[in-house]
């Protein structure tokens, strides 16, 4: 009989100190997003930043300072943000670099071999944007240790247009954070958005077919969902069927993996739906809410909805106690349907029960009594004083 035991996760790497290459207004925006300027003590979990106003000054400071990330305005007095990023990459290839602008004309589709949009993000004014951007780079730093050891699942986001992934990233992190604290009693919820959530899914952004496939094969069953554009570079050339190619690669690894395909061209909808993927129209005024519905309906965010294999709803669980009661009650075909799709472990991981999710994911549906084993594991967690219910 397996039991739930807390497994110490690898030490998470944090972005604690940023160098901002920009202007005083950029610094104001960082402060508004909760990043601490020099000398400010609260919130203690938030990263700090120092401001420099030119690319050359940034290079000199980085050469002598201890920074975890460079955040650069696209327009600097002596060079562009892209030129600064290229220079820093040559000198410190391991340093995360992001270029930020409010110029949406720079965020459209570009030539597949162009480096002009690499690491470029479009800031639309949402306070969650800069917080999500920093979290995105932290996830990239932590992915190899956390995912490969089973301490995190990941959402793979594939998009090469900055105007779109700059919208998607804060949406994903807002949804991930909301679900991670949803089952926590209100008095125990973290007061700061910067408080690390040890059990949340990671978000991995990829901009090409090759990079996306590398992530799929590297992390395999730990990829919980894929949200992909239809047109993006394959071997340096834009391909209008790249999303479908990636979809079938994902299906070869996990036949039940939730996949959403988005495109400007609605004629791709039939092909996506034939492959059992959710189709999202990129020019829809409801695109962001459509992605949010996909996360809730297909990826374990929100309540757990028990369904018959044909899709009809059997019951809904909004907390761990309700999940336990329904698992004890549902017909075998309903239980097996969700177990085969890894729905239980995904829902548990999304809602902050990382240790339990890892054990449940290892339960084999061919075991003699997987349901009884699962109920035993839930009872073990529910009996711990102070646990979320």
Protein backbone atom coordinates (compact mmCIF):
# COMPACT_ATOMS: atom_id res chain seq x y z
CA UNK A 1 0.00 0.00 0.00
CA UNK A 2 1.49 3.33 -1.09
CA UNK A 3 1.43 6.28 1.26
CA UNK A 4 1.77 10.02 0.82
CA UNK A 5 5.05 11.30 2.15
CA UNK A 6 6.44 14.76 1.66
CA UNK A 7 9.39 14.57 -0.70
CA UNK A 8 11.77 17.48 -0.40
CA UNK A 9 11.78 19.19 -3.82
CA UNK A 10 14.98 20.46 -5.41
CA UNK A 11 15.90 23.98 -4.36
CA UNK A 12 14.03 26.42 -6.57
CA UNK A 13 16.03 29.09 -8.31
CA UNK A 14 14.56 32.56 -7.87
CA UNK A 15 15.06 35.80 -9.75
CA UNK A 16 15.84 38.04 -6.81
CA UNK A 17 17.74 40.92 -8.39
CA UNK A 18 17.03 42.51 -11.77
CA UNK A 19 18.94 45.05 -13.76
CA UNK A 20 16.57 47.39 -15.58
CA UNK A 21 17.97 49.13 -18.67
CA UNK A 22 15.43 51.84 -19.36
CA UNK A 23 14.09 55.10 -17.99
CA UNK A 24 12.43 56.36 -14.79
CA UNK A 25 8.96 55.55 -16.16
CA UNK A 26 10.03 51.91 -16.65
CA UNK A 27 11.20 51.93 -13.04
CA UNK A 28 7.82 53.32 -11.96
CA UNK A 29 6.04 50.48 -13.79
CA UNK A 30 8.24 47.89 -12.08
CA UNK A 31 7.43 49.40 -8.69
CA UNK A 32 3.73 49.39 -9.55
CA UNK A 33 4.07 45.67 -10.37
CA UNK A 34 5.50 45.04 -6.90
CA UNK A 35 9.22 44.80 -7.70
CA UNK A 36 11.25 46.54 -4.99
CA UNK A 37 13.53 49.49 -5.76
CA UNK A 38 16.87 49.76 -3.92
CA UNK A 39 16.44 50.30 -0.18
CA UNK A 40 12.84 49.08 0.09
CA UNK A 41 12.31 46.13 2.41
CA UNK A 42 8.74 45.00 1.68
CA UNK A 43 7.39 42.73 0.39
CA UNK A 44 10.38 40.60 1.31
CA UNK A 45 9.54 37.89 -1.26
CA UNK A 46 9.58 40.35 -4.18
CA UNK A 47 12.72 40.78 -6.29
CA UNK A 48 14.66 44.05 -6.27
CA UNK A 49 15.92 46.06 -9.22
CA UNK A 50 18.54 48.66 -10.13
CA UNK A 51 18.05 51.15 -12.97
CA UNK A 52 20.59 52.09 -15.64
CA UNK A 53 19.73 54.35 -18.59
CA UNK A 54 21.91 53.07 -21.44
CA UNK A 55 22.99 49.84 -23.03
CA UNK A 56 26.69 50.41 -22.43
CA UNK A 57 26.08 51.19 -18.78
CA UNK A 58 24.06 47.98 -18.50
CA UNK A 59 26.95 45.95 -19.93
CA UNK A 60 29.43 47.48 -17.49
CA UNK A 61 27.17 46.95 -14.48
CA UNK A 62 26.45 43.35 -15.46
CA UNK A 63 30.16 42.66 -15.75
CA UNK A 64 30.70 43.61 -12.11
CA UNK A 65 27.30 43.07 -10.47
CA UNK A 66 25.43 40.01 -9.26
CA UNK A 67 22.13 40.01 -11.18
CA UNK A 68 19.68 37.21 -11.97
CA UNK A 69 18.00 38.85 -14.98
CA UNK A 70 18.26 41.76 -17.41
CA UNK A 71 15.05 43.61 -18.29
CA UNK A 72 15.58 46.08 -21.12
CA UNK A 73 13.42 48.70 -22.79
CA UNK A 74 13.35 48.15 -26.54
CA UNK A 75 14.47 51.75 -27.09
CA UNK A 76 17.65 52.92 -25.35
CA UNK A 77 19.67 56.10 -26.04
CA UNK A 78 22.69 54.30 -27.50
CA UNK A 79 21.34 51.01 -28.88
CA UNK A 80 18.18 48.95 -29.20
CA UNK A 81 17.11 46.42 -26.61
CA UNK A 82 17.74 43.68 -29.18
CA UNK A 83 21.31 44.87 -29.70
CA UNK A 84 21.89 44.95 -25.95
CA UNK A 85 20.41 41.46 -25.60
CA UNK A 86 22.73 40.12 -28.31
CA UNK A 87 25.78 41.68 -26.66
CA UNK A 88 24.85 40.35 -23.21
CA UNK A 89 24.11 36.90 -24.61
CA UNK A 90 27.62 36.77 -26.08
CA UNK A 91 29.14 37.75 -22.73
CA UNK A 92 26.78 35.94 -20.32
CA UNK A 93 24.77 33.34 -22.24
CA UNK A 94 23.25 31.92 -19.05
CA UNK A 95 21.64 35.22 -17.96
CA UNK A 96 17.89 35.54 -18.63
CA UNK A 97 17.16 38.57 -20.82
CA UNK A 98 13.75 40.08 -21.66
CA UNK A 99 13.05 43.07 -23.89
CA UNK A 100 9.86 45.02 -23.14
CA UNK A 101 8.02 47.61 -25.22
CA UNK A 102 4.55 49.09 -25.50
CA UNK A 103 4.88 49.38 -29.28
CA UNK A 104 2.43 46.77 -30.56
CA UNK A 105 3.66 47.25 -34.14
CA UNK A 106 6.78 45.31 -33.13
CA UNK A 107 4.77 42.37 -31.83
CA UNK A 108 3.31 40.90 -34.99
CA UNK A 109 4.44 37.94 -37.06
CA UNK A 110 8.04 38.16 -38.27
CA UNK A 111 10.28 36.26 -40.66
CA UNK A 112 11.11 32.84 -39.28
CA UNK A 113 14.84 33.51 -39.34
CA UNK A 114 14.58 36.94 -37.71
CA UNK A 115 16.02 37.46 -34.25
CA UNK A 116 14.25 40.83 -33.87
CA UNK A 117 11.45 39.38 -31.72
CA UNK A 118 13.55 36.98 -29.68
CA UNK A 119 12.84 37.63 -25.99
CA UNK A 120 10.56 40.54 -26.97
CA UNK A 121 7.41 41.13 -24.90
CA UNK A 122 4.65 43.68 -25.41
CA UNK A 123 3.41 45.38 -22.24
CA UNK A 124 -0.29 46.21 -22.44
CA UNK A 125 -0.67 47.79 -19.02
CA UNK A 126 -1.79 44.85 -16.89
CA UNK A 127 -0.07 44.83 -13.49
CA UNK A 128 0.19 41.04 -13.68
CA UNK A 129 2.29 41.22 -16.85
CA UNK A 130 5.69 41.94 -15.28
CA UNK A 131 4.99 39.50 -12.43
CA UNK A 132 4.10 36.80 -14.97
CA UNK A 133 7.16 37.62 -17.07
CA UNK A 134 9.50 37.11 -14.12
CA UNK A 135 7.72 33.87 -13.19
CA UNK A 136 8.11 32.65 -16.80
CA UNK A 137 11.87 33.06 -16.63
CA UNK A 138 12.01 31.44 -13.20
CA UNK A 139 10.10 28.45 -14.57
CA UNK A 140 12.62 28.08 -17.37
CA UNK A 141 15.46 28.03 -14.84
CA UNK A 142 13.68 25.44 -12.66
CA UNK A 143 12.15 23.17 -15.30
CA UNK A 144 15.02 20.64 -15.62
CA UNK A 145 15.19 19.91 -11.89
CA UNK A 146 11.50 20.17 -10.97
CA UNK A 147 9.88 18.46 -13.95
CA UNK A 148 12.32 15.60 -14.43
CA UNK A 149 12.08 14.68 -10.73
CA UNK A 150 8.27 14.69 -10.81
CA UNK A 151 7.93 17.79 -8.63
CA UNK A 152 6.05 19.82 -11.25
CA UNK A 153 3.85 19.47 -14.29
CA UNK A 154 4.12 21.97 -17.14
CA UNK A 155 1.95 23.75 -19.67
CA UNK A 156 3.70 24.06 -23.04
CA UNK A 157 2.84 27.35 -24.79
CA UNK A 158 3.96 27.51 -28.43
CA UNK A 159 3.67 30.94 -30.05
CA UNK A 160 6.05 33.14 -32.04
CA UNK A 161 4.04 36.39 -32.16
CA UNK A 162 4.93 38.65 -29.19
CA UNK A 163 1.51 40.35 -29.32
CA UNK A 164 -0.12 37.03 -28.48
CA UNK A 165 2.25 35.34 -26.04
CA UNK A 166 2.48 38.64 -24.15
CA UNK A 167 -1.26 38.34 -23.53
CA UNK A 168 -1.19 34.60 -22.84
CA UNK A 169 1.60 34.59 -20.24
CA UNK A 170 -0.10 36.77 -17.57
CA UNK A 171 -3.41 34.97 -18.17
CA UNK A 172 -1.79 31.58 -17.57
CA UNK A 173 -0.06 32.71 -14.40
CA UNK A 174 -3.18 34.37 -13.01
CA UNK A 175 -5.10 31.11 -13.57
CA UNK A 176 -2.28 28.96 -12.16
CA UNK A 177 -2.00 31.11 -9.02
CA UNK A 178 -5.78 31.22 -8.49
CA UNK A 179 -6.03 27.43 -8.68
CA UNK A 180 -2.99 26.89 -6.46
CA UNK A 181 -4.63 28.84 -3.61
CA UNK A 182 -8.27 27.98 -4.37
CA UNK A 183 -8.52 25.22 -1.78
CA UNK A 184 -6.48 27.04 0.87
CA UNK A 185 -8.57 28.62 3.67
CA UNK A 186 -8.69 32.37 3.15
CA UNK A 187 -6.81 33.17 6.36
CA UNK A 188 -3.86 31.01 5.21
CA UNK A 189 -3.56 32.36 1.67
CA UNK A 190 -0.32 34.20 0.84
CA UNK A 191 -0.61 37.97 1.17
CA UNK A 192 1.88 38.65 -1.62
CA UNK A 193 1.81 37.48 -5.24
CA UNK A 194 5.56 36.98 -4.89
CA UNK A 195 5.23 34.25 -2.26
CA UNK A 196 6.51 31.09 -4.01
CA UNK A 197 3.95 28.37 -4.71
CA UNK A 198 5.85 25.11 -4.42
CA UNK A 199 3.33 22.88 -6.17
CA UNK A 200 2.00 24.90 -9.09
CA UNK A 201 2.44 23.86 -12.74
CA UNK A 202 5.20 25.59 -14.69
CA UNK A 203 4.75 27.44 -17.97
CA UNK A 204 7.22 26.82 -20.81
CA UNK A 205 7.21 29.20 -23.79
CA UNK A 206 8.60 27.94 -27.10
CA UNK A 207 8.72 29.75 -30.45
CA UNK A 208 9.71 27.05 -32.96
CA UNK A 209 8.81 23.46 -33.87
CA UNK A 210 12.22 22.08 -32.93
CA UNK A 211 12.27 23.76 -29.51
CA UNK A 212 8.71 22.59 -28.85
CA UNK A 213 9.48 18.98 -29.76
CA UNK A 214 12.58 19.07 -27.56
CA UNK A 215 10.43 20.11 -24.60
CA UNK A 216 7.81 17.46 -25.38
CA UNK A 217 10.31 14.61 -25.54
CA UNK A 218 12.41 15.88 -22.65
CA UNK A 219 9.50 16.18 -20.20
CA UNK A 220 7.07 13.71 -21.83
CA UNK A 221 4.22 12.73 -19.47
CA UNK A 222 4.92 15.69 -17.18
CA UNK A 223 3.57 18.01 -19.89
CA UNK A 224 -0.04 18.41 -18.74
CA UNK A 225 -1.33 20.46 -21.72
CA UNK A 226 -0.23 22.11 -24.95
CA UNK A 227 -1.48 25.48 -26.23
CA UNK A 228 -0.05 25.98 -29.70
CA UNK A 229 -0.24 28.36 -32.64
CA UNK A 230 -0.88 26.80 -36.04
CA UNK A 231 1.80 28.72 -37.98
CA UNK A 232 5.35 29.01 -36.63
CA UNK A 233 8.91 28.19 -37.76
CA UNK A 234 9.96 24.68 -38.75
CA UNK A 235 13.67 24.47 -39.60
CA UNK A 236 13.76 28.25 -39.98
CA UNK A 237 10.77 28.47 -42.32
CA UNK A 238 7.21 29.43 -41.38
CA UNK A 239 4.85 26.48 -41.90
CA UNK A 240 1.09 26.80 -41.82
CA UNK A 241 0.65 23.25 -40.51
CA UNK A 242 3.29 23.37 -37.76
CA UNK A 243 0.64 23.25 -35.02
CA UNK A 244 -0.89 20.08 -36.44
CA UNK A 245 2.53 18.46 -36.67
CA UNK A 246 3.17 19.32 -33.04
CA UNK A 247 -0.29 18.11 -32.04
CA UNK A 248 0.41 14.64 -33.45
CA UNK A 249 3.82 14.56 -31.74
CA UNK A 250 2.08 15.31 -28.43
CA UNK A 251 -0.51 12.61 -29.08
CA UNK A 252 2.25 10.07 -29.74
CA UNK A 253 3.56 10.70 -26.22
CA UNK A 254 0.22 10.93 -24.44
CA UNK A 255 -2.89 10.11 -26.44
CA UNK A 256 -5.10 11.95 -23.94
CA UNK A 257 -3.06 15.14 -23.57
CA UNK A 258 -5.29 18.26 -23.72
CA UNK A 259 -4.28 20.39 -26.72
CA UNK A 260 -5.61 23.76 -27.88
CA UNK A 261 -4.67 25.03 -31.35
CA UNK A 262 -5.11 28.72 -32.17
CA UNK A 263 -4.93 30.32 -35.60
CA UNK A 264 -5.89 33.42 -37.58
CA UNK A 265 -7.32 31.11 -40.28
CA UNK A 266 -10.63 29.52 -39.32
CA UNK A 267 -10.26 26.90 -42.05
CA UNK A 268 -7.91 25.03 -39.67
CA UNK A 269 -10.77 24.39 -37.24
CA UNK A 270 -11.95 21.15 -38.84
CA UNK A 271 -8.44 19.60 -38.91
CA UNK A 272 -7.87 20.52 -35.26
CA UNK A 273 -11.20 19.11 -34.14
CA UNK A 274 -10.66 15.90 -36.10
CA UNK A 275 -7.48 15.48 -34.04
CA UNK A 276 -9.55 15.94 -30.83
CA UNK A 277 -8.00 19.35 -30.13
CA UNK A 278 -9.71 22.54 -29.04
CA UNK A 279 -9.64 25.18 -31.81
CA UNK A 280 -9.30 28.85 -30.85
CA UNK A 281 -9.65 31.69 -33.36
CA UNK A 282 -6.85 34.21 -32.77
CA UNK A 283 -8.91 37.16 -34.06
CA UNK A 284 -11.84 36.47 -31.74
CA UNK A 285 -12.57 39.22 -29.20
CA UNK A 286 -13.06 36.38 -26.71
CA UNK A 287 -9.68 34.66 -27.29
CA UNK A 288 -8.39 35.09 -23.75
CA UNK A 289 -11.62 33.88 -22.18
CA UNK A 290 -11.63 30.94 -24.64
CA UNK A 291 -8.16 29.95 -23.41
CA UNK A 292 -9.33 30.28 -19.82
CA UNK A 293 -12.31 28.00 -20.55
CA UNK A 294 -9.90 25.45 -22.05
CA UNK A 295 -7.81 25.49 -18.87
CA UNK A 296 -10.87 25.00 -16.68
CA UNK A 297 -12.71 22.47 -18.86
CA UNK A 298 -9.77 20.34 -20.03
CA UNK A 299 -6.75 20.92 -17.79
CA UNK A 300 -7.91 20.49 -14.21
CA UNK A 301 -8.30 24.15 -13.25
CA UNK A 302 -11.50 24.79 -11.32
CA UNK A 303 -13.76 22.07 -9.83
CA UNK A 304 -13.23 18.41 -10.71
CA UNK A 305 -16.03 17.37 -13.08
CA UNK A 306 -16.70 13.62 -13.14
CA UNK A 307 -17.90 12.60 -16.60
CA UNK A 308 -19.08 9.45 -18.28
CA UNK A 309 -16.82 8.46 -21.23
CA UNK A 310 -19.45 9.93 -23.60
CA UNK A 311 -19.08 13.31 -21.89
CA UNK A 312 -22.18 13.59 -19.72
CA UNK A 313 -21.58 14.96 -16.22
CA UNK A 314 -21.85 12.52 -13.32
CA UNK A 315 -20.89 14.87 -10.48
CA UNK A 316 -18.71 17.82 -9.43
CA UNK A 317 -16.13 18.03 -6.62
CA UNK A 318 -15.03 21.45 -5.35
CA UNK A 319 -12.65 20.29 -2.63
CA UNK A 320 -10.75 17.23 -1.49
CA UNK A 321 -13.54 15.89 0.73
CA UNK A 322 -16.05 16.05 -2.14
CA UNK A 323 -13.50 14.40 -4.44
CA UNK A 324 -13.11 11.54 -1.95
CA UNK A 325 -16.88 11.07 -1.61
CA UNK A 326 -17.44 10.93 -5.37
CA UNK A 327 -14.51 8.59 -6.01
CA UNK A 328 -16.07 6.18 -3.52
CA UNK A 329 -19.42 6.45 -5.31
CA UNK A 330 -18.79 6.71 -9.07
CA UNK A 331 -19.31 3.70 -11.37
CA UNK A 332 -16.15 1.85 -12.36
CA UNK A 333 -16.28 3.09 -15.95
CA UNK A 334 -16.26 6.72 -14.76
CA UNK A 335 -13.35 6.13 -12.39
CA UNK A 336 -11.32 4.31 -15.04
CA UNK A 337 -12.06 6.99 -17.63
CA UNK A 338 -10.47 9.68 -15.46
CA UNK A 339 -7.66 7.47 -14.18
CA UNK A 340 -6.57 6.57 -17.72
CA UNK A 341 -6.47 10.26 -18.66
CA UNK A 342 -4.38 11.19 -15.55
CA UNK A 343 -7.19 13.59 -14.63
CA UNK A 344 -6.95 12.92 -10.89
CA UNK A 345 -3.22 13.56 -10.58
CA UNK A 346 -3.42 16.64 -12.81
CA UNK A 347 -6.24 18.16 -10.74
CA UNK A 348 -4.39 17.47 -7.51
CA UNK A 349 -1.17 19.00 -8.85
CA UNK A 350 -2.96 22.10 -10.13
CA UNK A 351 -4.58 22.64 -6.74
CA UNK A 352 -1.42 22.35 -4.69
CA UNK A 353 -1.33 18.68 -3.62
CA UNK A 354 1.97 17.92 -5.26
CA UNK A 355 3.05 14.99 -3.09
CA UNK A 356 -0.34 13.29 -3.41
CA UNK A 357 -0.41 13.94 -7.18
CA UNK A 358 2.95 12.21 -7.66
CA UNK A 359 1.78 9.05 -5.86
CA UNK A 360 -1.59 8.99 -7.64
CA UNK A 361 0.07 9.42 -11.03
CA UNK A 362 2.05 6.24 -10.36
CA UNK A 363 -1.06 4.16 -9.57
CA UNK A 364 -1.69 1.73 -12.37
CA UNK A 365 -5.25 1.22 -13.57
CA UNK A 366 -4.35 -2.44 -14.00
CA UNK A 367 -3.68 -2.79 -10.28
CA UNK A 368 -6.05 -5.04 -8.40
CA UNK A 369 -7.62 -2.23 -6.40
CA UNK A 370 -6.54 1.22 -7.67
CA UNK A 371 -9.70 2.88 -6.38
CA UNK A 372 -9.22 1.56 -2.86
CA UNK A 373 -5.57 2.61 -2.93
CA UNK A 374 -6.62 6.10 -4.03
CA UNK A 375 -9.23 6.35 -1.27
CA UNK A 376 -6.63 5.29 1.28
CA UNK A 377 -4.29 8.03 0.06
CA UNK A 378 -7.06 10.65 0.26
CA UNK A 379 -7.98 9.53 3.78
CA UNK A 380 -4.35 9.85 4.80
CA UNK A 381 -4.19 13.46 3.59
CA UNK A 382 -7.61 14.45 4.95
CA UNK A 383 -6.75 13.15 8.41
CA UNK A 384 -3.71 15.40 8.74
CA UNK A 385 -4.60 18.32 11.10
CA UNK A 386 -4.73 21.67 9.33
CA UNK A 387 -4.90 20.19 5.85
CA UNK A 388 -7.08 21.82 3.25
CA UNK A 389 -10.43 20.13 2.77
